[in-house]
Protein backbone atom coordinates (compact mmCIF):
# COMPACT_ATOMS: atom_id res chain seq x y z
CA MET A 1 0.01 -0.03 -0.01
CA THR A 2 2.96 2.32 -0.58
CA LEU A 3 2.15 5.75 -2.00
CA ILE A 4 4.55 7.45 -4.37
CA ILE A 5 3.92 10.97 -5.92
CA ASP A 6 6.21 11.86 -8.71
CA LYS A 7 6.52 15.24 -10.39
CA LEU A 8 2.86 16.13 -9.93
CA THR A 9 1.84 19.36 -11.50
CA VAL A 10 -1.62 20.84 -11.07
CA SER A 11 -3.10 24.09 -12.49
CA TYR A 12 -6.29 25.98 -12.25
CA GLY A 13 -6.67 27.44 -15.71
CA ASN A 14 -3.46 29.24 -16.38
CA ARG A 15 -2.51 29.42 -12.74
CA GLN A 16 -0.14 26.67 -11.76
CA VAL A 17 -0.65 25.63 -8.12
CA LEU A 18 1.54 22.56 -7.70
CA HIS A 19 4.97 22.39 -9.27
CA GLN A 20 6.41 18.93 -9.87
CA VAL A 21 5.57 17.74 -6.36
CA SER A 22 7.41 14.51 -5.56
CA THR A 23 7.64 12.41 -2.40
CA GLU A 24 9.61 9.47 -1.20
CA ALA A 25 7.67 6.20 -0.92
CA LEU A 26 5.10 6.67 1.87
CA ALA A 27 4.83 3.29 3.68
CA PRO A 28 1.79 1.42 4.89
CA GLY A 29 0.85 2.29 8.47
CA SER A 30 2.52 5.65 8.37
CA PHE A 31 1.01 8.93 9.53
CA ILE A 32 2.30 11.78 7.33
CA GLY A 33 1.95 15.43 8.17
CA LEU A 34 1.39 17.88 5.31
CA ILE A 35 2.42 21.28 6.60
CA GLY A 36 2.91 24.74 5.12
CA PRO A 37 1.20 28.12 5.30
CA ASN A 38 -2.21 29.01 3.79
CA ALA A 39 -2.33 28.79 -0.01
CA ALA A 40 0.72 26.52 -0.10
CA GLY A 41 -1.20 23.97 -2.16
CA LYS A 42 -2.12 21.38 0.49
CA SER A 43 -5.84 21.16 -0.35
CA THR A 44 -5.01 21.00 -4.08
CA LEU A 45 -2.66 18.09 -3.52
CA PHE A 46 -5.49 16.29 -1.54
CA LYS A 47 -8.01 17.01 -4.38
CA ALA A 48 -5.55 15.55 -6.94
CA LEU A 49 -4.97 12.43 -4.93
CA GLY A 50 -8.75 11.99 -4.36
CA GLY A 51 -9.52 12.38 -8.07
CA LEU A 52 -11.48 15.63 -7.66
CA ILE A 53 -9.19 17.55 -10.01
CA ARG A 54 -6.99 16.28 -12.75
CA ALA A 55 -3.24 16.79 -12.67
CA ARG A 56 -1.61 18.35 -15.73
CA SER A 57 1.30 15.95 -15.44
CA GLY A 58 3.04 13.57 -13.07
CA THR A 59 1.98 10.35 -11.40
CA MET A 60 0.41 9.12 -8.24
CA ASP A 61 0.89 5.38 -7.62
CA LEU A 62 -0.65 3.43 -4.71
CA ASP A 63 0.99 0.00 -4.27
CA GLY A 64 2.40 0.24 -7.79
CA LYS A 65 -0.90 1.15 -9.49
CA SER A 66 -1.75 4.59 -10.93
CA LEU A 67 -4.61 6.19 -9.06
CA ASP A 68 -5.69 7.88 -12.31
CA ALA A 69 -6.11 4.45 -13.93
CA LEU A 70 -8.64 3.34 -11.33
CA SER A 71 -12.35 3.52 -11.92
CA ARG A 72 -14.20 6.21 -9.95
CA THR A 73 -15.75 3.46 -7.86
CA GLU A 74 -12.50 1.71 -7.11
CA ARG A 75 -10.67 4.90 -6.36
CA ALA A 76 -13.48 5.84 -3.88
CA ARG A 77 -12.90 2.51 -2.07
CA GLN A 78 -9.15 3.00 -1.79
CA VAL A 79 -8.88 6.78 -1.15
CA VAL A 80 -11.03 8.70 1.34
CA TYR A 81 -10.74 12.53 1.52
CA MET A 82 -12.09 14.66 4.32
CA PRO A 83 -12.05 18.36 3.10
CA GLN A 84 -11.92 21.31 5.41
CA ALA A 85 -15.66 22.10 4.63
CA TYR A 86 -17.80 19.01 4.86
CA GLY A 87 -21.55 18.48 5.02
CA CYS A 88 -24.15 15.81 5.51
CA ASN A 89 -27.97 15.65 5.49
CA ALA A 90 -28.90 17.44 8.65
CA ALA A 91 -31.92 15.14 9.07
CA LEU A 92 -29.71 12.09 9.56
CA THR A 93 -28.52 10.91 12.91
CA VAL A 94 -24.79 10.48 13.56
CA PHE A 95 -25.09 6.68 13.27
CA GLU A 96 -27.05 6.93 10.02
CA SER A 97 -24.53 9.39 8.53
CA VAL A 98 -21.59 7.12 9.27
CA LEU A 99 -23.50 4.08 7.95
CA LEU A 100 -24.23 6.02 4.77
CA ALA A 101 -20.53 6.76 4.31
CA LEU A 102 -19.85 2.96 4.65
CA LYS A 103 -22.59 2.09 2.16
CA GLN A 104 -20.78 4.10 -0.49
CA GLU A 105 -18.71 0.98 -1.05
CA GLY A 106 -21.61 -1.08 -2.46
CA GLY A 107 -25.24 -1.98 -2.31
CA TRP A 108 -27.82 -0.45 0.04
CA ARG A 109 -28.78 -3.59 1.94
CA VAL A 110 -27.59 -3.24 5.53
CA GLY A 111 -26.06 -6.21 7.30
CA GLY A 112 -25.28 -6.91 10.81
CA ASP A 113 -21.56 -6.77 10.19
CA GLN A 114 -21.93 -3.19 8.83
CA ILE A 115 -23.90 -2.14 11.89
CA ALA A 116 -21.22 -3.52 14.10
CA ARG A 117 -18.51 -1.74 12.07
CA VAL A 118 -20.27 1.65 12.54
CA SER A 119 -20.64 1.00 16.26
CA ALA A 120 -16.94 -0.01 16.57
CA THR A 121 -15.85 3.12 14.76
CA LEU A 122 -17.85 5.38 16.98
CA ASP A 123 -16.45 3.57 20.00
CA THR A 124 -12.94 4.00 18.63
CA LEU A 125 -13.43 7.74 18.52
CA SER A 126 -15.19 7.80 21.89
CA ILE A 127 -18.41 9.30 20.48
CA PRO A 128 -20.99 6.48 20.86
CA HIS A 129 -23.01 8.89 22.92
CA LEU A 130 -23.70 10.91 19.77
CA SER A 131 -25.19 7.93 17.83
CA ASP A 132 -28.77 9.12 18.01
CA ARG A 133 -28.03 12.88 17.83
CA PRO A 134 -29.11 14.61 14.53
CA ILE A 135 -26.18 15.94 12.51
CA GLY A 136 -27.88 19.33 12.41
CA ALA A 137 -27.71 19.51 16.27
CA LEU A 138 -23.98 18.96 16.60
CA SER A 139 -21.37 21.52 17.52
CA GLY A 140 -18.62 22.28 14.91
CA GLY A 141 -16.14 20.09 16.88
CA GLN A 142 -18.68 17.17 17.17
CA ALA A 143 -19.39 17.41 13.45
CA GLN A 144 -15.63 17.28 12.72
CA MET A 145 -15.29 14.08 14.76
CA VAL A 146 -18.17 12.51 12.86
CA ALA A 147 -16.49 13.42 9.60
CA VAL A 148 -13.35 11.57 10.78
CA ALA A 149 -15.61 8.56 11.67
CA GLN A 150 -17.08 8.64 8.13
CA CYS A 151 -13.51 8.19 6.88
CA LEU A 152 -12.30 5.61 9.30
CA VAL A 153 -15.37 3.34 8.99
CA ARG A 154 -14.53 2.74 5.27
CA ALA A 155 -11.05 1.38 6.09
CA PRO A 156 -9.36 2.89 3.06
CA ARG A 157 -5.87 2.34 1.81
CA LEU A 158 -5.19 6.06 1.70
CA MET A 159 -6.86 8.52 4.01
CA LEU A 160 -6.52 12.30 3.34
CA LEU A 161 -7.56 14.61 6.23
CA ASP A 162 -7.51 18.28 5.53
CA GLU A 163 -7.19 20.07 8.95
CA PRO A 164 -8.99 17.41 10.89
CA THR A 165 -8.56 19.17 14.27
CA SER A 166 -9.32 22.75 13.36
CA ALA A 167 -12.55 22.87 15.31
CA LEU A 168 -11.55 20.72 18.29
CA ASP A 169 -10.38 21.53 21.78
CA LEU A 170 -7.06 20.25 22.98
CA HIS A 171 -8.50 17.02 24.52
CA HIS A 172 -10.28 16.05 21.38
CA GLN A 173 -7.32 17.01 19.14
CA LEU A 174 -5.23 14.51 21.01
CA SER A 175 -7.94 11.99 21.09
CA ILE A 176 -8.63 12.09 17.32
CA LEU A 177 -5.05 12.05 16.25
CA THR A 178 -4.17 9.28 18.71
CA ARG A 179 -7.03 7.09 17.37
CA VAL A 180 -6.22 7.92 13.71
CA HIS A 181 -2.53 7.07 14.25
CA GLU A 182 -3.46 3.74 15.91
CA GLU A 183 -5.88 2.83 13.08
CA ALA A 184 -3.24 3.62 10.42
CA ARG A 185 -0.78 1.27 11.95
CA ARG A 186 -3.45 -1.41 12.77
CA GLY A 187 -4.98 -1.25 9.23
CA GLY A 188 -1.73 -0.70 7.31
CA MET A 189 -3.11 2.38 5.56
CA VAL A 190 -1.30 5.58 4.65
CA VAL A 191 -2.69 8.63 6.40
CA ILE A 192 -1.81 12.18 5.26
CA ALA A 193 -3.15 14.99 7.43
CA ALA A 194 -2.84 18.65 6.72
CA LEU A 195 -1.93 20.26 10.08
CA HIS A 196 -1.34 23.90 11.03
CA ASP A 197 -0.20 23.15 14.56
CA LEU A 198 3.41 22.08 14.23
CA ASN A 199 3.48 20.69 17.78
CA LEU A 200 0.68 18.31 16.96
CA ALA A 201 2.72 17.29 13.93
CA ALA A 202 5.77 16.78 16.10
CA LYS A 203 3.77 14.60 18.50
CA PHE A 204 1.96 12.33 15.99
CA CYS A 205 3.56 12.37 12.55
CA ASP A 206 6.14 9.82 11.39
CA ARG A 207 7.18 12.03 8.51
CA LEU A 208 6.50 15.54 7.25
CA ILE A 209 6.09 17.15 3.86
CA LEU A 210 6.60 20.91 3.84
CA LEU A 211 4.89 22.75 1.08
CA ARG A 212 5.55 26.40 0.09
CA ASN A 213 3.96 28.09 -2.98
CA GLY A 214 3.15 24.66 -4.47
CA HIS A 215 6.79 23.34 -4.15
CA VAL A 216 8.03 20.68 -1.75
CA VAL A 217 10.80 22.43 0.17
CA ALA A 218 11.46 19.63 2.71
CA GLU A 219 10.45 16.08 3.33
CA GLY A 220 11.65 13.43 5.80
CA GLU A 221 11.54 12.33 9.41
CA THR A 222 9.52 14.69 11.58
CA ARG A 223 12.29 15.87 13.90
CA LYS A 224 14.72 16.46 11.08
CA VAL A 225 12.27 18.53 9.09
CA LEU A 226 11.18 20.60 12.06
CA ALA A 227 14.80 21.44 12.85
CA LEU A 228 15.44 22.86 9.37
CA PRO A 229 15.73 26.61 8.70
CA ALA A 230 13.16 26.06 5.97
CA ILE A 231 10.45 25.96 8.67
CA GLY A 232 11.13 29.49 9.93
CA GLU A 233 11.66 30.70 6.39
CA THR A 234 8.35 29.18 5.19
CA TYR A 235 6.29 30.57 8.05
CA GLN A 236 8.21 33.86 8.32
CA VAL A 237 8.98 33.28 11.94
CA THR A 238 12.02 32.39 14.09
CA THR A 239 11.97 28.75 15.26
CA SER A 240 13.92 26.33 17.28
CA LEU A 241 13.31 22.69 17.99
CA GLU A 242 13.21 21.91 21.71
CA THR A 243 12.65 18.85 23.72
CA SER A 244 10.11 18.67 26.58
CA ARG A 245 10.87 16.96 29.96
CA SER A 246 8.95 13.89 28.71
CA GLY A 247 11.28 13.66 25.69
CA ASN A 248 8.84 14.95 23.05
CA ALA A 249 9.91 17.50 20.45
CA TYR A 250 8.17 20.81 20.22
CA VAL A 251 8.61 23.90 18.07
CA ASP A 252 9.39 27.23 19.81
CA ALA A 253 8.19 29.85 17.40
CA ARG A 254 8.34 33.65 17.70
CA LEU A 255 8.12 36.65 15.48
CA PRO A 256 11.45 37.89 14.29
CA GLU A 257 12.77 40.97 16.01
CA ARG A 258 12.28 44.19 14.18
CA ILE A 259 15.35 46.28 13.42
CA PRO A 260 14.75 49.73 14.97
CA VAL A 261 14.73 52.56 12.47
CA ARG A 262 17.38 55.20 13.30
CA ALA A 263 16.35 58.83 13.04
CA VAL A 264 18.04 60.76 10.42
CA ALA A 265 20.06 63.71 11.90
């Protein structure tokens, strides 16, 4: 289930957004952080991998097979994409919405094994108490957790999460990313998550891909990437990689000092 992206170029009309994006082989069971400032091209990369937009050139191979060569149905089975903005029929309950996501794989007859699979997914994310709650009655954070459940229940080979923790408090950020990381390893899938919080990336990601203006400027093991000068240059801040008392890496970031303007005599 290895994913390899090679010289991927994507444009919107005449505006080129991704410029020959390439990665090393992303191994099964790995949790990859996609980092970079706003408008770096993260969402565009996800849309290309998910088949929502067509690349101008380059390849995307999952386990040696081109994603673009797959039928729409087969690609939907293997690749699941959770965008920043997501929606669902507000009349459905949480359980029904997760079951509906699972049923995208095939026929509409519901079996006991599928009911059990939905229940297990809600348990995994610690949200079984939301099962009977209408989607329209959820908070933003609860809706985001349900969107993650809709991805996990399908057990894809490649899962793309675009800012999966943006609406969550700290407790639920840690909970969601812990569960996703565990499921990636257990199920042998590749998970790529776009994250703005570099310290969450430091805590959970096996590898990082740093995008800037549609170019990959760094890729590799998380600690090595976060220690690079390219991090501060990309975000226009001053950074240093530190180690907590528990041994975890964290990024200390601050705005660069301004040079005082001298008065002209």
